[in-house]
Amino acid sequence: MDALIVAQLQTWFPNDAVISEENPNSVGLWLQELTRYWFIDPIDGTSDFVHNREHYAVMLGLLENEKPTMGWVYAPESDILFYGGTALGNIFTCDRGGAPSPAP
């Protein structure tokens, strides 16, 4: 999962740094003076994932000009995406095929 997310982000945003919890070497990218950094936790809740429990998620965040601007949390077992950002003003949720709505 990590390799897929990293590869896609690098394809879409080749000038951005992509830092992953699963790749300790990627932390060195933090030392580069870039304006955009992507942070990935491909399986937050590893223990739940390993034990076939539903409480795990894929997490992704974007830092622009030293400020957090967007974040996404996807819960695969319930097929729900939570996302929000400074430009959105709220946290939203969306399930497969549904329209986005403010999170409770």
PDB file of N, CA and C in Angstrom:
ATOM      1  N   MET A   1       0.834  -1.195   0.000  1.00  0.00           N
ATOM      2  CA  MET A   1       0.000   0.000   0.000  1.00  0.00           C
ATOM      3  C   MET A   1       0.876   1.255   0.000  1.00  0.00           C
ATOM      4  N   ASP A   2       1.900   1.248   0.843  1.00  0.00           N
ATOM      5  CA  ASP A   2       2.786   2.402   0.939  1.00  0.00           C
ATOM      6  C   ASP A   2       3.421   2.729  -0.408  1.00  0.00           C
ATOM      7  N   ALA A   3       3.978   1.721  -1.056  1.00  0.00           N
ATOM      8  CA  ALA A   3       4.658   1.934  -2.339  1.00  0.00           C
ATOM      9  C   ALA A   3       3.703   2.487  -3.390  1.00  0.00           C
ATOM     10  N   LEU A   4       2.463   2.015  -3.385  1.00  0.00           N
ATOM     11  CA  LEU A   4       1.477   2.504  -4.352  1.00  0.00           C
ATOM     12  C   LEU A   4       1.155   3.982  -4.135  1.00  0.00           C
ATOM     13  N   ILE A   5       0.943   4.343  -2.878  1.00  0.00           N
ATOM     14  CA  ILE A   5       0.603   5.736  -2.567  1.00  0.00           C
ATOM     15  C   ILE A   5       1.776   6.655  -2.894  1.00  0.00           C
ATOM     16  N   VAL A   6       2.975   6.252  -2.469  1.00  0.00           N
ATOM     17  CA  VAL A   6       4.163   7.069  -2.731  1.00  0.00           C
ATOM     18  C   VAL A   6       4.369   7.251  -4.229  1.00  0.00           C
ATOM     19  N   ALA A   7       4.290   6.160  -4.982  1.00  0.00           N
ATOM     20  CA  ALA A   7       4.503   6.234  -6.435  1.00  0.00           C
ATOM     21  C   ALA A   7       3.487   7.149  -7.101  1.00  0.00           C
ATOM     22  N   GLN A   8       2.224   7.055  -6.686  1.00  0.00           N
ATOM     23  CA  GLN A   8       1.194   7.895  -7.306  1.00  0.00           C
ATOM     24  C   GLN A   8       1.414   9.366  -6.981  1.00  0.00           C
ATOM     25  N   LEU A   9       1.719   9.665  -5.716  1.00  0.00           N
ATOM     26  CA  LEU A   9       1.969  11.062  -5.346  1.00  0.00           C
ATOM     27  C   LEU A   9       3.181  11.624  -6.087  1.00  0.00           C
ATOM     28  N   GLN A  10       4.227  10.813  -6.232  1.00  0.00           N
ATOM     29  CA  GLN A  10       5.411  11.276  -6.956  1.00  0.00           C
ATOM     30  C   GLN A  10       5.115  11.491  -8.435  1.00  0.00           C
ATOM     31  N   THR A  11       4.189  10.724  -8.983  1.00  0.00           N
ATOM     32  CA  THR A  11       3.779  10.919 -10.377  1.00  0.00           C
ATOM     33  C   THR A  11       2.982  12.214 -10.525  1.00  0.00           C
ATOM     34  N   TRP A  12       2.020  12.412  -9.636  1.00  0.00           N
ATOM     35  CA  TRP A  12       1.172  13.598  -9.717  1.00  0.00           C
ATOM     36  C   TRP A  12       1.912  14.880  -9.330  1.00  0.00           C
ATOM     37  N   PHE A  13       2.785  14.782  -8.328  1.00  0.00           N
ATOM     38  CA  PHE A  13       3.456  15.964  -7.767  1.00  0.00           C
ATOM     39  C   PHE A  13       4.965  15.726  -7.685  1.00  0.00           C
ATOM     40  N   PRO A  14       5.652  15.696  -8.820  1.00  0.00           N
ATOM     41  CA  PRO A  14       7.072  15.326  -8.830  1.00  0.00           C
ATOM     42  C   PRO A  14       7.992  16.288  -8.078  1.00  0.00           C
ATOM     43  N   ASN A  15       7.560  17.491  -7.817  1.00  0.00           N
ATOM     44  CA  ASN A  15       8.405  18.460  -7.114  1.00  0.00           C
ATOM     45  C   ASN A  15       8.170  18.487  -5.609  1.00  0.00           C
ATOM     46  N   ASP A  16       7.273  17.634  -5.115  1.00  0.00           N
ATOM     47  CA  ASP A  16       6.948  17.588  -3.692  1.00  0.00           C
ATOM     48  C   ASP A  16       7.730  16.472  -3.002  1.00  0.00           C
ATOM     49  N   ALA A  17       7.941  16.632  -1.705  1.00  0.00           N
ATOM     50  CA  ALA A  17       8.532  15.568  -0.891  1.00  0.00           C
ATOM     51  C   ALA A  17       7.408  14.663  -0.399  1.00  0.00           C
ATOM     52  N   VAL A  18       7.662  13.363  -0.393  1.00  0.00           N
ATOM     53  CA  VAL A  18       6.693  12.388   0.110  1.00  0.00           C
ATOM     54  C   VAL A  18       7.369  11.633   1.251  1.00  0.00           C
ATOM     55  N   ILE A  19       6.857  11.821   2.460  1.00  0.00           N
ATOM     56  CA  ILE A  19       7.445  11.226   3.657  1.00  0.00           C
ATOM     57  C   ILE A  19       6.476  10.194   4.208  1.00  0.00           C
ATOM     58  N   SER A  20       6.975   8.972   4.352  1.00  0.00           N
ATOM     59  CA  SER A  20       6.122   7.871   4.783  1.00  0.00           C
ATOM     60  C   SER A  20       6.608   7.280   6.098  1.00  0.00           C
ATOM     61  N   GLU A  21       5.659   6.950   6.959  1.00  0.00           N
ATOM     62  CA  GLU A  21       5.994   6.287   8.213  1.00  0.00           C
ATOM     63  C   GLU A  21       6.686   4.944   7.955  1.00  0.00           C
ATOM     64  N   GLU A  22       6.366   4.307   6.862  1.00  0.00           N
ATOM     65  CA  GLU A  22       6.926   2.994   6.553  1.00  0.00           C
ATOM     66  C   GLU A  22       8.322   3.062   5.947  1.00  0.00           C
ATOM     67  N   ASN A  23       8.789   4.245   5.586  1.00  0.00           N
ATOM     68  CA  ASN A  23      10.107   4.391   4.980  1.00  0.00           C
ATOM     69  C   ASN A  23      10.925   5.404   5.778  1.00  0.00           C
ATOM     70  N   PRO A  24      11.712   4.932   6.753  1.00  0.00           N
ATOM     71  CA  PRO A  24      12.491   5.850   7.586  1.00  0.00           C
ATOM     72  C   PRO A  24      13.452   6.724   6.781  1.00  0.00           C
ATOM     73  N   ASN A  25      13.911   6.248   5.642  1.00  0.00           N
ATOM     74  CA  ASN A  25      14.821   7.041   4.814  1.00  0.00           C
ATOM     75  C   ASN A  25      14.150   8.285   4.243  1.00  0.00           C
ATOM     76  N   SER A  26      12.835   8.254   4.119  1.00  0.00           N
ATOM     77  CA  SER A  26      12.133   9.404   3.538  1.00  0.00           C
ATOM     78  C   SER A  26      12.149  10.614   4.466  1.00  0.00           C
ATOM     79  N   VAL A  27      12.426  10.404   5.750  1.00  0.00           N
ATOM     80  CA  VAL A  27      12.462  11.524   6.696  1.00  0.00           C
ATOM     81  C   VAL A  27      13.544  12.524   6.301  1.00  0.00           C
ATOM     82  N   GLY A  28      14.599  12.051   5.642  1.00  0.00           N
ATOM     83  CA  GLY A  28      15.652  12.945   5.176  1.00  0.00           C
ATOM     84  C   GLY A  28      15.150  14.003   4.207  1.00  0.00           C
ATOM     85  N   LEU A  29      14.031  13.735   3.565  1.00  0.00           N
ATOM     86  CA  LEU A  29      13.449  14.728   2.653  1.00  0.00           C
ATOM     87  C   LEU A  29      13.042  15.997   3.391  1.00  0.00           C
ATOM     88  N   TRP A  30      12.809  15.860   4.695  1.00  0.00           N
ATOM     89  CA  TRP A  30      12.399  17.000   5.510  1.00  0.00           C
ATOM     90  C   TRP A  30      13.474  18.086   5.504  1.00  0.00           C
ATOM     91  N   LEU A  31      14.732  17.678   5.291  1.00  0.00           N
ATOM     92  CA  LEU A  31      15.841  18.625   5.299  1.00  0.00           C
ATOM     93  C   LEU A  31      15.917  19.458   4.026  1.00  0.00           C
ATOM     94  N   GLN A  32      15.207  19.034   3.007  1.00  0.00           N
ATOM     95  CA  GLN A  32      15.179  19.809   1.773  1.00  0.00           C
ATOM     96  C   GLN A  32      14.276  21.021   1.963  1.00  0.00           C
ATOM     97  N   GLU A  33      14.609  22.084   1.323  1.00  0.00           N
ATOM     98  CA  GLU A  33      13.804  23.298   1.444  1.00  0.00           C
ATOM     99  C   GLU A  33      12.757  23.322   0.339  1.00  0.00           C
ATOM    100  N   LEU A  34      11.695  22.581   0.561  1.00  0.00           N
ATOM    101  CA  LEU A  34      10.596  22.513  -0.397  1.00  0.00           C
ATOM    102  C   LEU A  34       9.387  23.230   0.178  1.00  0.00           C
ATOM    103  N   THR A  35       8.434  23.540  -0.670  1.00  0.00           N
ATOM    104  CA  THR A  35       7.231  24.226  -0.188  1.00  0.00           C
ATOM    105  C   THR A  35       6.103  23.260   0.136  1.00  0.00           C
ATOM    106  N   ARG A  36       6.178  22.015  -0.406  1.00  0.00           N
ATOM    107  CA  ARG A  36       5.092  21.054  -0.163  1.00  0.00           C
ATOM    108  C   ARG A  36       5.661  19.710   0.278  1.00  0.00           C
ATOM    109  N   TYR A  37       5.042  19.181   1.336  1.00  0.00           N
ATOM    110  CA  TYR A  37       5.410  17.876   1.866  1.00  0.00           C
ATOM    111  C   TYR A  37       4.143  17.054   2.073  1.00  0.00           C
ATOM    112  N   TRP A  38       4.166  15.820   1.603  1.00  0.00           N
ATOM    113  CA  TRP A  38       3.087  14.869   1.834  1.00  0.00           C
ATOM    114  C   TRP A  38       3.536  13.917   2.932  1.00  0.00           C
ATOM    115  N   PHE A  39       2.658  13.637   3.885  1.00  0.00           N
ATOM    116  CA  PHE A  39       2.948  12.700   4.965  1.00  0.00           C
ATOM    117  C   PHE A  39       1.955  11.547   4.877  1.00  0.00           C
ATOM    118  N   ILE A  40       2.487  10.327   4.940  1.00  0.00           N
ATOM    119  CA  ILE A  40       1.659   9.136   4.752  1.00  0.00           C
ATOM    120  C   ILE A  40       1.807   8.192   5.933  1.00  0.00           C
ATOM    121  N   ASP A  41       0.689   7.697   6.408  1.00  0.00           N
ATOM    122  CA  ASP A  41       0.665   6.530   7.294  1.00  0.00           C
ATOM    123  C   ASP A  41      -0.240   5.530   6.589  1.00  0.00           C
ATOM    124  N   PRO A  42       0.346   4.591   5.843  1.00  0.00           N
ATOM    125  CA  PRO A  42      -0.462   3.718   4.992  1.00  0.00           C
ATOM    126  C   PRO A  42      -1.356   2.747   5.754  1.00  0.00           C
ATOM    127  N   ILE A  43      -0.980   2.413   6.987  1.00  0.00           N
ATOM    128  CA  ILE A  43      -1.856   1.571   7.811  1.00  0.00           C
ATOM    129  C   ILE A  43      -1.762   2.068   9.243  1.00  0.00           C
ATOM    130  N   ASP A  44      -2.602   3.035   9.585  1.00  0.00           N
ATOM    131  CA  ASP A  44      -2.691   3.490  10.959  1.00  0.00           C
ATOM    132  C   ASP A  44      -3.591   2.507  11.695  1.00  0.00           C
ATOM    133  N   GLY A  45      -3.072   1.910  12.746  1.00  0.00           N
ATOM    134  CA  GLY A  45      -3.801   0.849  13.431  1.00  0.00           C
ATOM    135  C   GLY A  45      -3.332  -0.513  12.947  1.00  0.00           C
ATOM    136  N   THR A  46      -2.020  -0.663  12.846  1.00  0.00           N
ATOM    137  CA  THR A  46      -1.441  -1.896  12.293  1.00  0.00           C
ATOM    138  C   THR A  46      -1.913  -3.131  13.036  1.00  0.00           C
ATOM    139  N   SER A  47      -1.992  -3.061  14.353  1.00  0.00           N
ATOM    140  CA  SER A  47      -2.419  -4.224  15.140  1.00  0.00           C
ATOM    141  C   SER A  47      -3.829  -4.662  14.748  1.00  0.00           C
ATOM    142  N   ASP A  48      -4.734  -3.707  14.589  1.00  0.00           N
ATOM    143  CA  ASP A  48      -6.095  -4.059  14.154  1.00  0.00           C
ATOM    144  C   ASP A  48      -6.076  -4.668  12.758  1.00  0.00           C
ATOM    145  N   PHE A  49      -5.272  -4.123  11.879  1.00  0.00           N
ATOM    146  CA  PHE A  49      -5.169  -4.655  10.519  1.00  0.00           C
ATOM    147  C   PHE A  49      -4.658  -6.095  10.543  1.00  0.00           C
ATOM    148  N   VAL A  50      -3.599  -6.339  11.301  1.00  0.00           N
ATOM    149  CA  VAL A  50      -2.993  -7.676  11.375  1.00  0.00           C
ATOM    150  C   VAL A  50      -3.966  -8.695  11.959  1.00  0.00           C
ATOM    151  N   HIS A  51      -4.787  -8.268  12.907  1.00  0.00           N
ATOM    152  CA  HIS A  51      -5.738  -9.178  13.558  1.00  0.00           C
ATOM    153  C   HIS A  51      -7.117  -9.175  12.896  1.00  0.00           C
ATOM    154  N   ASN A  52      -7.186  -8.681  11.672  1.00  0.00           N
ATOM    155  CA  ASN A  52      -8.435  -8.665  10.893  1.00  0.00           C
ATOM    156  C   ASN A  52      -9.576  -7.940  11.593  1.00  0.00           C
ATOM    157  N   ARG A  53      -9.227  -6.885  12.312  1.00  0.00           N
ATOM    158  CA  ARG A  53     -10.261  -6.042  12.916  1.00  0.00           C
ATOM    159  C   ARG A  53     -10.449  -4.816  12.026  1.00  0.00           C
ATOM    160  N   GLU A  54     -11.560  -4.160  12.185  1.00  0.00           N
ATOM    161  CA  GLU A  54     -11.912  -3.096  11.240  1.00  0.00           C
ATOM    162  C   GLU A  54     -11.368  -1.718  11.588  1.00  0.00           C
ATOM    163  N   HIS A  55     -10.732  -1.553  12.715  1.00  0.00           N
ATOM    164  CA  HIS A  55     -10.333  -0.210  13.151  1.00  0.00           C
ATOM    165  C   HIS A  55      -8.917   0.148  12.714  1.00  0.00           C
ATOM    166  N   TYR A  56      -8.749   0.331  11.434  1.00  0.00           N
ATOM    167  CA  TYR A  56      -7.490   0.833  10.880  1.00  0.00           C
ATOM    168  C   TYR A  56      -7.835   1.786   9.747  1.00  0.00           C
ATOM    169  N   ALA A  57      -6.859   2.578   9.352  1.00  0.00           N
ATOM    170  CA  ALA A  57      -7.125   3.588   8.325  1.00  0.00           C
ATOM    171  C   ALA A  57      -5.855   3.900   7.542  1.00  0.00           C
ATOM    172  N   VAL A  58      -6.060   4.498   6.399  1.00  0.00           N
ATOM    173  CA  VAL A  58      -4.982   5.048   5.585  1.00  0.00           C
ATOM    174  C   VAL A  58      -5.035   6.561   5.790  1.00  0.00           C
ATOM    175  N   MET A  59      -3.890   7.148   6.170  1.00  0.00           N
ATOM    176  CA  MET A  59      -3.875   8.573   6.479  1.00  0.00           C
ATOM    177  C   MET A  59      -2.889   9.307   5.580  1.00  0.00           C
ATOM    178  N   LEU A  60      -3.296  10.495   5.167  1.00  0.00           N
ATOM    179  CA  LEU A  60      -2.484  11.301   4.260  1.00  0.00           C
ATOM    180  C   LEU A  60      -2.658  12.767   4.640  1.00  0.00           C
ATOM    181  N   GLY A  61      -1.553  13.485   4.729  1.00  0.00           N
ATOM    182  CA  GLY A  61      -1.621  14.901   5.052  1.00  0.00           C
ATOM    183  C   GLY A  61      -0.723  15.719   4.145  1.00  0.00           C
ATOM    184  N   LEU A  62      -1.081  16.964   3.949  1.00  0.00           N
ATOM    185  CA  LEU A  62      -0.313  17.865   3.097  1.00  0.00           C
ATOM    186  C   LEU A  62       0.088  19.102   3.892  1.00  0.00           C
ATOM    187  N   LEU A  63       1.383  19.396   3.857  1.00  0.00           N
ATOM    188  CA  LEU A  63       1.938  20.587   4.483  1.00  0.00           C
ATOM    189  C   LEU A  63       2.435  21.500   3.367  1.00  0.00           C
ATOM    190  N   GLU A  64       1.944  22.735   3.352  1.00  0.00           N
ATOM    191  CA  GLU A  64       2.363  23.702   2.334  1.00  0.00           C
ATOM    192  C   GLU A  64       2.892  24.951   3.022  1.00  0.00           C
ATOM    193  N   ASN A  65       4.101  25.349   2.632  1.00  0.00           N
ATOM    194  CA  ASN A  65       4.721  26.537   3.223  1.00  0.00           C
ATOM    195  C   ASN A  65       4.692  26.484   4.750  1.00  0.00           C
ATOM    196  N   GLU A  66       5.056  25.315   5.274  1.00  0.00           N
ATOM    197  CA  GLU A  66       5.160  25.058   6.712  1.00  0.00           C
ATOM    198  C   GLU A  66       3.824  25.087   7.445  1.00  0.00           C
ATOM    199  N   LYS A  67       2.716  24.961   6.716  1.00  0.00           N
ATOM    200  CA  LYS A  67       1.394  24.952   7.349  1.00  0.00           C
ATOM    201  C   LYS A  67       0.596  23.752   6.860  1.00  0.00           C
ATOM    202  N   PRO A  68      -0.092  23.048   7.779  1.00  0.00           N
ATOM    203  CA  PRO A  68      -0.959  21.951   7.337  1.00  0.00           C
ATOM    204  C   PRO A  68      -2.151  22.521   6.577  1.00  0.00           C
ATOM    205  N   THR A  69      -2.409  21.979   5.383  1.00  0.00           N
ATOM    206  CA  THR A  69      -3.489  22.528   4.566  1.00  0.00           C
ATOM    207  C   THR A  69      -4.591  21.530   4.241  1.00  0.00           C
ATOM    208  N   MET A  70      -4.264  20.238   4.173  1.00  0.00           N
ATOM    209  CA  MET A  70      -5.281  19.225   3.860  1.00  0.00           C
ATOM    210  C   MET A  70      -4.937  17.928   4.576  1.00  0.00           C
ATOM    211  N   GLY A  71      -5.969  17.156   4.854  1.00  0.00           N
ATOM    212  CA  GLY A  71      -5.767  15.842   5.438  1.00  0.00           C
ATOM    213  C   GLY A  71      -6.882  14.903   5.019  1.00  0.00           C
ATOM    214  N   TRP A  72      -6.526  13.631   4.871  1.00  0.00           N
ATOM    215  CA  TRP A  72      -7.472  12.596   4.483  1.00  0.00           C
ATOM    216  C   TRP A  72      -7.279  11.379   5.373  1.00  0.00           C
ATOM    217  N   VAL A  73      -8.371  10.788   5.811  1.00  0.00           N
ATOM    218  CA  VAL A  73      -8.337   9.534   6.557  1.00  0.00           C
ATOM    219  C   VAL A  73      -9.367   8.625   5.913  1.00  0.00           C
ATOM    220  N   TYR A  74      -8.895   7.502   5.391  1.00  0.00           N
ATOM    221  CA  TYR A  74      -9.794   6.551   4.735  1.00  0.00           C
ATOM    222  C   TYR A  74      -9.868   5.285   5.570  1.00  0.00           C
ATOM    223  N   ALA A  75     -11.079   4.895   5.949  1.00  0.00           N
ATOM    224  CA  ALA A  75     -11.329   3.666   6.701  1.00  0.00           C
ATOM    225  C   ALA A  75     -11.834   2.612   5.721  1.00  0.00           C
ATOM    226  N   PRO A  76     -10.954   1.719   5.242  1.00  0.00           N
ATOM    227  CA  PRO A  76     -11.338   0.764   4.197  1.00  0.00           C
ATOM    228  C   PRO A  76     -12.466  -0.186   4.591  1.00  0.00           C
ATOM    229  N   GLU A  77     -12.478  -0.632   5.838  1.00  0.00           N
ATOM    230  CA  GLU A  77     -13.491  -1.614   6.245  1.00  0.00           C
ATOM    231  C   GLU A  77     -14.899  -1.036   6.213  1.00  0.00           C
ATOM    232  N   SER A  78     -15.034   0.240   6.528  1.00  0.00           N
ATOM    233  CA  SER A  78     -16.352   0.877   6.474  1.00  0.00           C
ATOM    234  C   SER A  78     -16.523   1.702   5.204  1.00  0.00           C
ATOM    235  N   ASP A  79     -15.464   1.774   4.396  1.00  0.00           N
ATOM    236  CA  ASP A  79     -15.480   2.493   3.124  1.00  0.00           C
ATOM    237  C   ASP A  79     -15.920   3.948   3.296  1.00  0.00           C
ATOM    238  N   ILE A  80     -15.324   4.601   4.291  1.00  0.00           N
ATOM    239  CA  ILE A  80     -15.639   6.003   4.563  1.00  0.00           C
ATOM    240  C   ILE A  80     -14.354   6.822   4.484  1.00  0.00           C
ATOM    241  N   LEU A  81     -14.451   7.966   3.827  1.00  0.00           N
ATOM    242  CA  LEU A  81     -13.341   8.903   3.722  1.00  0.00           C
ATOM    243  C   LEU A  81     -13.674  10.151   4.532  1.00  0.00           C
ATOM    244  N   PHE A  82     -12.772  10.523   5.432  1.00  0.00           N
ATOM    245  CA  PHE A  82     -12.879  11.782   6.159  1.00  0.00           C
ATOM    246  C   PHE A  82     -11.804  12.697   5.590  1.00  0.00           C
ATOM    247  N   TYR A  83     -12.149  13.945   5.339  1.00  0.00           N
ATOM    248  CA  TYR A  83     -11.152  14.867   4.813  1.00  0.00           C
ATOM    249  C   TYR A  83     -11.497  16.289   5.211  1.00  0.00           C
ATOM    250  N   GLY A  84     -10.493  17.105   5.223  1.00  0.00           N
ATOM    251  CA  GLY A  84     -10.704  18.498   5.557  1.00  0.00           C
ATOM    252  C   GLY A  84      -9.455  19.296   5.257  1.00  0.00           C
ATOM    253  N   GLY A  85      -9.598  20.590   5.340  1.00  0.00           N
ATOM    254  CA  GLY A  85      -8.454  21.443   5.075  1.00  0.00           C
ATOM    255  C   GLY A  85      -8.758  22.890   5.364  1.00  0.00           C
ATOM    256  N   THR A  86      -7.723  23.679   5.355  1.00  0.00           N
ATOM    257  CA  THR A  86      -7.887  25.093   5.682  1.00  0.00           C
ATOM    258  C   THR A  86      -8.814  25.801   4.702  1.00  0.00           C
ATOM    259  N   ALA A  87      -8.782  25.428   3.442  1.00  0.00           N
ATOM    260  CA  ALA A  87      -9.652  26.066   2.449  1.00  0.00           C
ATOM    261  C   ALA A  87     -11.098  25.587   2.563  1.00  0.00           C
ATOM    262  N   LEU A  88     -11.299  24.418   3.176  1.00  0.00           N
ATOM    263  CA  LEU A  88     -12.652  23.859   3.281  1.00  0.00           C
ATOM    264  C   LEU A  88     -13.383  24.334   4.525  1.00  0.00           C
ATOM    265  N   GLY A  89     -12.646  24.597   5.595  1.00  0.00           N
ATOM    266  CA  GLY A  89     -13.262  25.091   6.812  1.00  0.00           C
ATOM    267  C   GLY A  89     -13.942  24.045   7.666  1.00  0.00           C
ATOM    268  N   ASN A  90     -14.109  22.833   7.188  1.00  0.00           N
ATOM    269  CA  ASN A  90     -14.786  21.776   7.926  1.00  0.00           C
ATOM    270  C   ASN A  90     -14.100  20.443   7.677  1.00  0.00           C
ATOM    271  N   ILE A  91     -14.534  19.461   8.436  1.00  0.00           N
ATOM    272  CA  ILE A  91     -14.161  18.082   8.147  1.00  0.00           C
ATOM    273  C   ILE A  91     -15.375  17.444   7.496  1.00  0.00           C
ATOM    274  N   PHE A  92     -15.152  16.767   6.396  1.00  0.00           N
ATOM    275  CA  PHE A  92     -16.232  16.136   5.652  1.00  0.00           C
ATOM    276  C   PHE A  92     -16.069  14.629   5.669  1.00  0.00           C
ATOM    277  N   THR A  93     -17.153  13.958   5.411  1.00  0.00           N
ATOM    278  CA  THR A  93     -17.132  12.509   5.287  1.00  0.00           C
ATOM    279  C   THR A  93     -17.852  12.135   4.003  1.00  0.00           C
ATOM    280  N   CYS A  94     -17.433  11.041   3.420  1.00  0.00           N
ATOM    281  CA  CYS A  94     -18.045  10.590   2.179  1.00  0.00           C
ATOM    282  C   CYS A  94     -17.900   9.082   2.090  1.00  0.00           C
ATOM    283  N   ASP A  95     -19.005   8.386   1.866  1.00  0.00           N
ATOM    284  CA  ASP A  95     -18.899   6.950   1.631  1.00  0.00           C
ATOM    285  C   ASP A  95     -19.022   6.702   0.136  1.00  0.00           C
ATOM    286  N   ARG A  96     -18.702   5.488  -0.269  1.00  0.00           N
ATOM    287  CA  ARG A  96     -18.677   5.163  -1.699  1.00  0.00           C
ATOM    288  C   ARG A  96     -20.011   5.514  -2.353  1.00  0.00           C
ATOM    289  N   GLY A  97     -19.927   6.346  -3.367  1.00  0.00           N
ATOM    290  CA  GLY A  97     -21.111   6.702  -4.131  1.00  0.00           C
ATOM    291  C   GLY A  97     -21.945   7.813  -3.521  1.00  0.00           C
ATOM    292  N   GLY A  98     -21.612   8.222  -2.304  1.00  0.00           N
ATOM    293  CA  GLY A  98     -22.394   9.257  -1.652  1.00  0.00           C
ATOM    294  C   GLY A  98     -21.807  10.635  -1.861  1.00  0.00           C
ATOM    295  N   ALA A  99     -22.609  11.615  -1.583  1.00  0.00           N
ATOM    296  CA  ALA A  99     -22.153  12.998  -1.675  1.00  0.00           C
ATOM    297  C   ALA A  99     -21.444  13.381  -0.379  1.00  0.00           C
ATOM    298  N   PRO A 100     -20.436  14.238  -0.444  1.00  0.00           N
ATOM    299  CA  PRO A 100     -19.761  14.682   0.773  1.00  0.00           C
ATOM    300  C   PRO A 100     -20.727  15.397   1.701  1.00  0.00           C
ATOM    301  N   SER A 101     -20.529  15.210   2.992  1.00  0.00           N
ATOM    302  CA  SER A 101     -21.335  15.906   3.984  1.00  0.00           C
ATOM    303  C   SER A 101     -20.451  16.216   5.184  1.00  0.00           C
ATOM    304  N   PRO A 102     -20.791  17.262   5.951  1.00  0.00           N
ATOM    305  CA  PRO A 102     -19.992  17.566   7.135  1.00  0.00           C
ATOM    306  C   PRO A 102     -19.975  16.376   8.089  1.00  0.00           C
ATOM    307  N   ALA A 103     -18.803  16.100   8.651  1.00  0.00           N
ATOM    308  CA  ALA A 103     -18.679  14.992   9.601  1.00  0.00           C
ATOM    309  C   ALA A 103     -19.410  15.351  10.885  1.00  0.00           C
ATOM    310  N   PRO A 104     -19.932  14.339  11.571  1.00  0.00           N
ATOM    311  CA  PRO A 104     -20.650  14.617  12.824  1.00  0.00           C
ATOM    312  C   PRO A 104     -19.733  15.152  13.903  1.00  0.00           C
TER     313      PRO A 104
END
